[in-house]
Amino acid sequence: MNRRLGVLISGRGSNLQALIDAIRDGRLDATIAVVISNREDAQGLERARAAGIEALTISHRGWPSRDDHDRAIARKLRAREVGLVCLAGYMRLVAAPLLEAFPNAILNIHPSLLPAFPGVDAQRQAIEHGVRVSGVTVHFVTSELDNGPIVLQRAVPVLEGDTAETLAARILVEEHKAYPEAVGIVLAGGWRIEGRRFVRSATAASASPSPLPAGS
């Protein structure tokens, strides 16, 4: 698979930084070709530039439709020969033009064990629901919110006295491990999509190290 990544962000870019660090340290065999934000004040743009990565702003404002905005993003990604798109705190629903330009090639990371607690404030949802275990999910992006085939999950216990903020902080630690690992799995190939399931061949699965337990 083409190992050139395009990363879409809207904010501070901590998961972008996790990908940058994993590539720099040799844990992820990939290149970040471009970082694109829909917000010009996104802190992640400076993270990208500090790492020598091209960083662009394509504001979501002023377009006739969401499709037009995503079509513009797809053009920029294609011009840079991106093979895999990674959403890293990208706070926009992905529209058809981008999904069609990168079929089964857009990943997202979400701070819950999907299908539980999709959408915003997943950590607060978990606290309010009283679950004992939450976590992180890396999944393919589809037209349905947080509903694509799951590549990887990591469990994070919900502790007595946790708030949405303390739980979010512990989940974020696991996000930074899970995203580079999941990207590496996808780039390595040897997988297929069966309905909603991400299925790896026995050879591909055995070639990858087992996921570390949460907190390791």
Protein backbone atom coordinates (compact mmCIF):
# COMPACT_ATOMS: atom_id res chain seq x y z
CA MET A 1 0.00 0.00 0.00
CA ASN A 2 1.12 3.56 -0.70
CA ARG A 3 2.79 4.70 2.54
CA ARG A 4 2.23 8.43 2.03
CA LEU A 5 -0.14 9.74 4.69
CA GLY A 6 -2.40 12.76 4.64
CA VAL A 7 -3.45 13.87 8.12
CA LEU A 8 -6.56 15.99 8.72
CA ILE A 9 -6.79 17.98 11.94
CA SER A 10 -8.90 20.66 13.60
CA GLY A 11 -7.04 21.31 16.85
CA ARG A 12 -3.90 20.68 18.86
CA GLY A 13 -2.76 17.65 16.86
CA SER A 14 -1.56 15.38 19.65
CA ASN A 15 -2.34 12.26 17.61
CA LEU A 16 -0.59 13.87 14.65
CA GLN A 17 2.43 14.23 16.93
CA ALA A 18 2.15 10.56 17.89
CA LEU A 19 2.37 9.65 14.20
CA ILE A 20 5.30 12.03 13.63
CA ASP A 21 7.15 10.53 16.61
CA ALA A 22 6.46 6.94 15.54
CA ILE A 23 7.83 7.63 12.05
CA ARG A 24 10.87 9.45 13.44
CA ASP A 25 11.61 6.62 15.88
CA GLY A 26 11.28 3.91 13.23
CA ARG A 27 8.15 2.36 14.74
CA LEU A 28 6.04 3.28 11.70
CA ASP A 29 7.26 2.90 8.13
CA ALA A 30 5.44 5.81 6.50
CA THR A 31 5.78 9.41 5.36
CA ILE A 32 3.40 12.23 6.21
CA ALA A 33 2.98 13.99 2.88
CA VAL A 34 0.73 16.80 4.09
CA VAL A 35 -1.30 17.98 7.07
CA ILE A 36 -4.54 19.82 6.34
CA SER A 37 -6.71 21.68 8.84
CA ASN A 38 -10.11 23.26 8.46
CA ARG A 39 -9.03 25.85 11.06
CA GLU A 40 -6.14 28.23 10.52
CA ASP A 41 -5.55 28.52 14.28
CA ALA A 42 -5.13 24.76 14.80
CA GLN A 43 -2.02 24.16 16.92
CA GLY A 44 -1.30 20.99 14.99
CA LEU A 45 -0.28 23.04 11.96
CA GLU A 46 2.73 24.31 13.90
CA ARG A 47 3.57 20.76 14.98
CA ALA A 48 3.65 19.76 11.33
CA ARG A 49 5.79 22.71 10.26
CA ALA A 50 8.21 22.10 13.12
CA ALA A 51 8.68 18.58 11.75
CA GLY A 52 9.25 19.86 8.21
CA ILE A 53 5.86 18.70 6.95
CA GLU A 54 3.74 20.72 4.55
CA ALA A 55 0.77 22.19 6.45
CA LEU A 56 -2.28 23.72 4.77
CA THR A 57 -5.51 25.34 5.88
CA ILE A 58 -8.66 24.70 3.87
CA SER A 59 -11.35 26.45 5.87
CA HIS A 60 -14.78 24.86 5.90
CA ARG A 61 -16.33 28.31 5.65
CA GLY A 62 -17.44 29.94 2.42
CA TRP A 63 -18.10 26.82 0.37
CA PRO A 64 -21.47 26.24 -1.30
CA SER A 65 -21.67 22.80 0.32
CA ARG A 66 -19.81 20.28 2.46
CA ASP A 67 -19.18 18.27 -0.71
CA ASP A 68 -17.35 21.21 -2.30
CA HIS A 69 -15.12 21.56 0.75
CA ASP A 70 -14.26 17.86 0.81
CA ARG A 71 -13.70 17.87 -2.94
CA ALA A 72 -11.07 20.57 -2.46
CA ILE A 73 -9.37 18.53 0.27
CA ALA A 74 -9.39 15.42 -1.92
CA ARG A 75 -7.69 17.37 -4.73
CA LYS A 76 -4.89 18.48 -2.41
CA LEU A 77 -4.39 14.94 -1.09
CA ARG A 78 -4.35 13.39 -4.54
CA ALA A 79 -1.90 16.01 -5.82
CA ARG A 80 0.50 14.85 -3.10
CA GLU A 81 -0.04 11.16 -3.95
CA VAL A 82 -1.49 10.32 -0.55
CA GLY A 83 -2.42 6.66 -0.09
CA LEU A 84 -3.95 6.71 3.41
CA VAL A 85 -5.83 9.54 5.10
CA CYS A 86 -5.72 9.80 8.90
CA LEU A 87 -8.23 11.91 10.81
CA ALA A 88 -6.54 13.15 13.97
CA GLY A 89 -8.95 15.28 15.92
CA TYR A 90 -10.68 16.35 12.72
CA MET A 91 -14.02 17.74 13.88
CA ARG A 92 -15.91 17.46 10.61
CA LEU A 93 -18.07 14.74 9.11
CA VAL A 94 -16.44 13.36 5.97
CA ALA A 95 -18.57 13.81 2.86
CA ALA A 96 -18.96 11.61 -0.22
CA PRO A 97 -16.27 13.21 -2.44
CA LEU A 98 -13.53 12.39 0.07
CA LEU A 99 -14.88 8.90 0.79
CA GLU A 100 -15.08 8.18 -2.93
CA ALA A 101 -11.56 9.49 -3.56
CA PHE A 102 -10.12 7.25 -0.81
CA PRO A 103 -12.27 4.10 -0.51
CA ASN A 104 -11.30 2.01 2.53
CA ALA A 105 -8.37 4.38 2.98
CA ILE A 106 -9.52 6.88 5.62
CA LEU A 107 -8.91 6.12 9.29
CA ASN A 108 -10.27 7.80 12.40
CA ILE A 109 -9.45 7.44 16.08
CA HIS A 110 -12.25 7.70 18.64
CA PRO A 111 -12.05 7.81 22.47
CA SER A 112 -14.41 4.95 23.29
CA LEU A 113 -14.87 1.27 22.57
CA LEU A 114 -17.18 1.62 19.60
CA PRO A 115 -20.01 1.03 18.97
CA ALA A 116 -20.45 2.42 22.49
CA PHE A 117 -20.54 6.21 22.80
CA PRO A 118 -20.10 7.53 19.25
CA GLY A 119 -19.96 11.24 18.52
CA VAL A 120 -18.73 14.04 20.75
CA ASP A 121 -18.03 13.88 24.50
CA ALA A 122 -17.51 10.11 24.45
CA GLN A 123 -15.66 10.21 27.78
CA ARG A 124 -18.49 12.10 29.46
CA GLN A 125 -20.98 9.65 27.97
CA ALA A 126 -18.99 6.78 29.49
CA ILE A 127 -18.90 8.40 32.94
CA GLU A 128 -22.60 9.21 32.89
CA HIS A 129 -23.49 5.70 31.72
CA GLY A 130 -21.51 4.16 34.56
CA VAL A 131 -19.40 1.76 32.48
CA ARG A 132 -16.39 0.12 34.10
CA VAL A 133 -14.33 -0.06 30.92
CA SER A 134 -13.91 2.42 28.12
CA GLY A 135 -11.04 2.83 25.68
CA VAL A 136 -10.02 3.81 22.18
CA THR A 137 -10.99 2.60 18.72
CA VAL A 138 -9.25 3.06 15.37
CA HIS A 139 -11.69 2.44 12.54
CA PHE A 140 -12.26 3.07 8.86
CA VAL A 141 -14.42 6.06 8.05
CA THR A 142 -17.75 5.55 6.32
CA SER A 143 -20.72 7.80 5.65
CA GLU A 144 -22.14 6.87 9.08
CA LEU A 145 -20.64 8.59 12.12
CA ASP A 146 -18.11 6.41 13.99
CA ASN A 147 -19.54 3.29 12.36
CA GLY A 148 -16.83 1.90 10.06
CA PRO A 149 -14.95 -1.40 10.33
CA ILE A 150 -12.76 -1.54 13.44
CA VAL A 151 -9.02 -2.00 12.94
CA LEU A 152 -7.85 -1.91 16.57
CA GLN A 153 -9.16 -1.25 20.07
CA ARG A 154 -7.49 -0.71 23.44
CA ALA A 155 -9.37 -0.98 26.73
CA VAL A 156 -8.99 1.61 29.49
CA PRO A 157 -10.56 1.00 32.92
CA VAL A 158 -12.91 3.62 34.33
CA LEU A 159 -11.78 4.26 37.90
CA GLU A 160 -13.80 5.26 40.93
CA GLY A 161 -13.78 9.03 41.12
CA ASP A 162 -12.98 9.48 37.44
CA THR A 163 -14.27 12.59 35.73
CA ALA A 164 -14.64 13.02 32.01
CA GLU A 165 -11.36 14.93 32.08
CA THR A 166 -9.31 12.35 34.00
CA LEU A 167 -10.68 9.52 31.89
CA ALA A 168 -9.95 11.47 28.71
CA ALA A 169 -6.34 11.98 29.81
CA ARG A 170 -5.77 8.25 30.35
CA ILE A 171 -7.51 7.34 27.11
CA LEU A 172 -5.32 9.85 25.26
CA VAL A 173 -2.19 8.01 26.38
CA GLU A 174 -3.55 4.86 24.73
CA GLU A 175 -4.62 6.79 21.63
CA HIS A 176 -1.00 7.80 21.07
CA LYS A 177 0.02 4.13 21.08
CA ALA A 178 -2.94 2.78 19.17
CA TYR A 179 -2.97 5.11 16.18
CA PRO A 180 0.56 4.43 14.89
CA GLU A 181 0.02 0.72 15.49
CA ALA A 182 -3.25 0.69 13.55
CA VAL A 183 -1.77 2.71 10.69
CA GLY A 184 1.08 0.22 10.49
CA ILE A 185 -1.37 -2.69 10.35
CA VAL A 186 -3.29 -1.11 7.49
CA LEU A 187 -0.16 -0.18 5.54
CA ALA A 188 1.22 -3.71 5.92
CA GLY A 189 -1.67 -5.12 3.86
CA GLY A 190 -2.93 -8.68 4.11
CA TRP A 191 -6.42 -7.60 5.15
CA ARG A 192 -9.89 -7.32 3.67
CA ILE A 193 -13.26 -5.85 4.58
CA GLU A 194 -16.09 -8.36 5.04
CA GLY A 195 -19.31 -6.47 5.68
CA ARG A 196 -18.52 -4.45 8.78
CA ARG A 197 -15.48 -6.52 9.73
CA PHE A 198 -11.79 -5.77 9.21
CA VAL A 199 -10.26 -9.20 8.65
CA ARG A 200 -6.52 -9.87 8.62
CA SER A 201 -4.95 -12.93 7.06
CA ALA A 202 -3.32 -15.37 9.46
CA THR A 203 0.07 -14.50 7.99
CA ALA A 204 -0.41 -10.76 8.47
CA ALA A 205 -1.71 -11.19 12.01
CA SER A 206 1.18 -13.40 13.06
CA ALA A 207 3.71 -10.96 11.60
CA SER A 208 2.54 -8.14 13.88
CA PRO A 209 3.27 -7.96 17.60
CA SER A 210 0.31 -8.43 19.92
CA PRO A 211 -1.21 -5.15 21.17
CA LEU A 212 0.16 -4.09 24.51
CA PRO A 213 -2.27 -3.95 27.42
CA ALA A 214 -3.49 -0.55 28.48
CA GLY A 215 -1.01 1.30 30.61
CA SER A 216 2.03 -0.56 29.33
